[in-house]
Amino acid sequence: MPGFVLLARDRADGEAAMRIGYTVTKKIGGAVVRNRLKRRLRALARELLPEAGLPGHDHVLIGRGDGVTRDFQLLRADLRKALAKVAR
């Protein structure tokens, strides 16, 4: 199971800028754990969204429990796959 869920929504405002949001619920853990997961998601987005993100869309990464312990390379592959799926 991936460590996140990706949502993408077209803003339909004619602007090509991509926006990104992150959310992690308290069910995942305390503040330290949630912040660690958000840092990992930010690093992934910083790396992959410029090349694979959808222009003119809002992207939201919702952190899941596996995201804290999942290998970063697997998270990267999961995000690539999710972005490709959303682009279709």
Protein backbone atom coordinates (compact mmCIF):
# COMPACT_ATOMS: atom_id res chain seq x y z
CA MET A 1 0.00 0.00 0.00
CA PRO A 2 1.44 3.41 -0.92
CA GLY A 3 2.29 5.88 1.81
CA PHE A 4 -0.04 8.53 0.40
CA VAL A 5 -3.08 9.28 -1.73
CA LEU A 6 -2.81 11.77 -4.60
CA LEU A 7 -5.71 13.98 -5.59
CA ALA A 8 -5.52 16.32 -8.58
CA ARG A 9 -8.14 18.84 -9.61
CA ASP A 10 -8.18 21.11 -12.65
CA ARG A 11 -8.64 24.72 -11.57
CA ALA A 12 -9.93 25.72 -15.03
CA ASP A 13 -8.71 29.27 -14.55
CA GLY A 14 -6.35 29.36 -17.53
CA GLU A 15 -3.22 29.59 -15.38
CA ALA A 16 -0.53 26.97 -15.94
CA ALA A 17 0.87 27.18 -12.40
CA MET A 18 0.73 23.98 -10.34
CA ARG A 19 -0.18 24.14 -6.68
CA ILE A 20 0.44 21.50 -4.04
CA GLY A 21 -1.04 20.80 -0.63
CA TYR A 22 -0.21 18.25 2.06
CA THR A 23 -2.31 16.77 4.81
CA VAL A 24 -1.63 14.13 7.43
CA THR A 25 -4.22 13.23 10.07
CA LYS A 26 -3.59 12.77 13.77
CA LYS A 27 -4.39 9.07 13.34
CA ILE A 28 -0.90 8.68 11.83
CA GLY A 29 0.87 9.74 15.02
CA GLY A 30 2.07 12.69 17.02
CA ALA A 31 3.34 15.96 15.64
CA VAL A 32 6.88 14.67 15.12
CA VAL A 33 5.68 11.73 13.01
CA ARG A 34 3.23 13.85 11.01
CA ASN A 35 5.87 16.50 10.31
CA ARG A 36 8.37 13.83 9.23
CA LEU A 37 5.85 12.45 6.75
CA LYS A 38 5.05 15.93 5.43
CA ARG A 39 8.77 16.60 4.92
CA ARG A 40 9.06 13.37 2.94
CA LEU A 41 6.04 14.30 0.81
CA ARG A 42 7.44 17.79 0.18
CA ALA A 43 10.76 16.33 -0.96
CA LEU A 44 8.95 14.01 -3.37
CA ALA A 45 6.80 16.80 -4.77
CA ARG A 46 9.77 19.13 -5.16
CA GLU A 47 11.55 16.45 -7.16
CA LEU A 48 8.75 15.06 -9.34
CA LEU A 49 6.03 17.69 -9.83
CA PRO A 50 8.01 20.01 -12.13
CA GLU A 51 8.45 17.21 -14.68
CA ALA A 52 5.35 15.04 -14.16
CA GLY A 53 2.75 17.30 -12.55
CA LEU A 54 -0.31 18.56 -14.37
CA PRO A 55 -0.18 22.26 -15.32
CA GLY A 56 -3.17 24.25 -14.09
CA HIS A 57 -4.06 21.68 -11.44
CA ASP A 58 -4.13 21.59 -7.67
CA HIS A 59 -2.34 18.51 -6.31
CA VAL A 60 -3.01 17.24 -2.79
CA LEU A 61 -0.92 14.54 -1.14
CA ILE A 62 -2.70 12.86 1.77
CA GLY A 63 -0.22 11.02 3.98
CA ARG A 64 -0.97 7.48 5.12
CA GLY A 65 0.60 5.42 7.91
CA ASP A 66 2.95 3.46 5.65
CA GLY A 67 4.54 6.66 4.37
CA VAL A 68 6.62 7.14 7.50
CA THR A 69 8.45 3.81 7.30
CA ARG A 70 8.25 3.10 3.56
CA ASP A 71 11.52 3.28 1.62
CA PHE A 72 11.94 6.65 -0.11
CA GLN A 73 12.69 5.01 -3.47
CA LEU A 74 9.37 3.15 -3.27
CA LEU A 75 7.54 6.37 -2.40
CA ARG A 76 9.16 8.04 -5.42
CA ALA A 77 8.04 5.18 -7.68
CA ASP A 78 4.52 5.34 -6.19
CA LEU A 79 4.27 9.08 -6.89
CA ARG A 80 5.52 8.65 -10.46
CA LYS A 81 2.90 5.97 -11.02
CA ALA A 82 0.15 8.08 -9.43
CA LEU A 83 1.04 11.15 -11.52
CA ALA A 84 1.05 9.06 -14.71
CA LYS A 85 -2.33 7.61 -13.80
CA VAL A 86 -3.83 11.04 -13.11
CA ALA A 87 -2.44 12.39 -16.39
CA ARG A 88 -4.43 9.81 -18.39
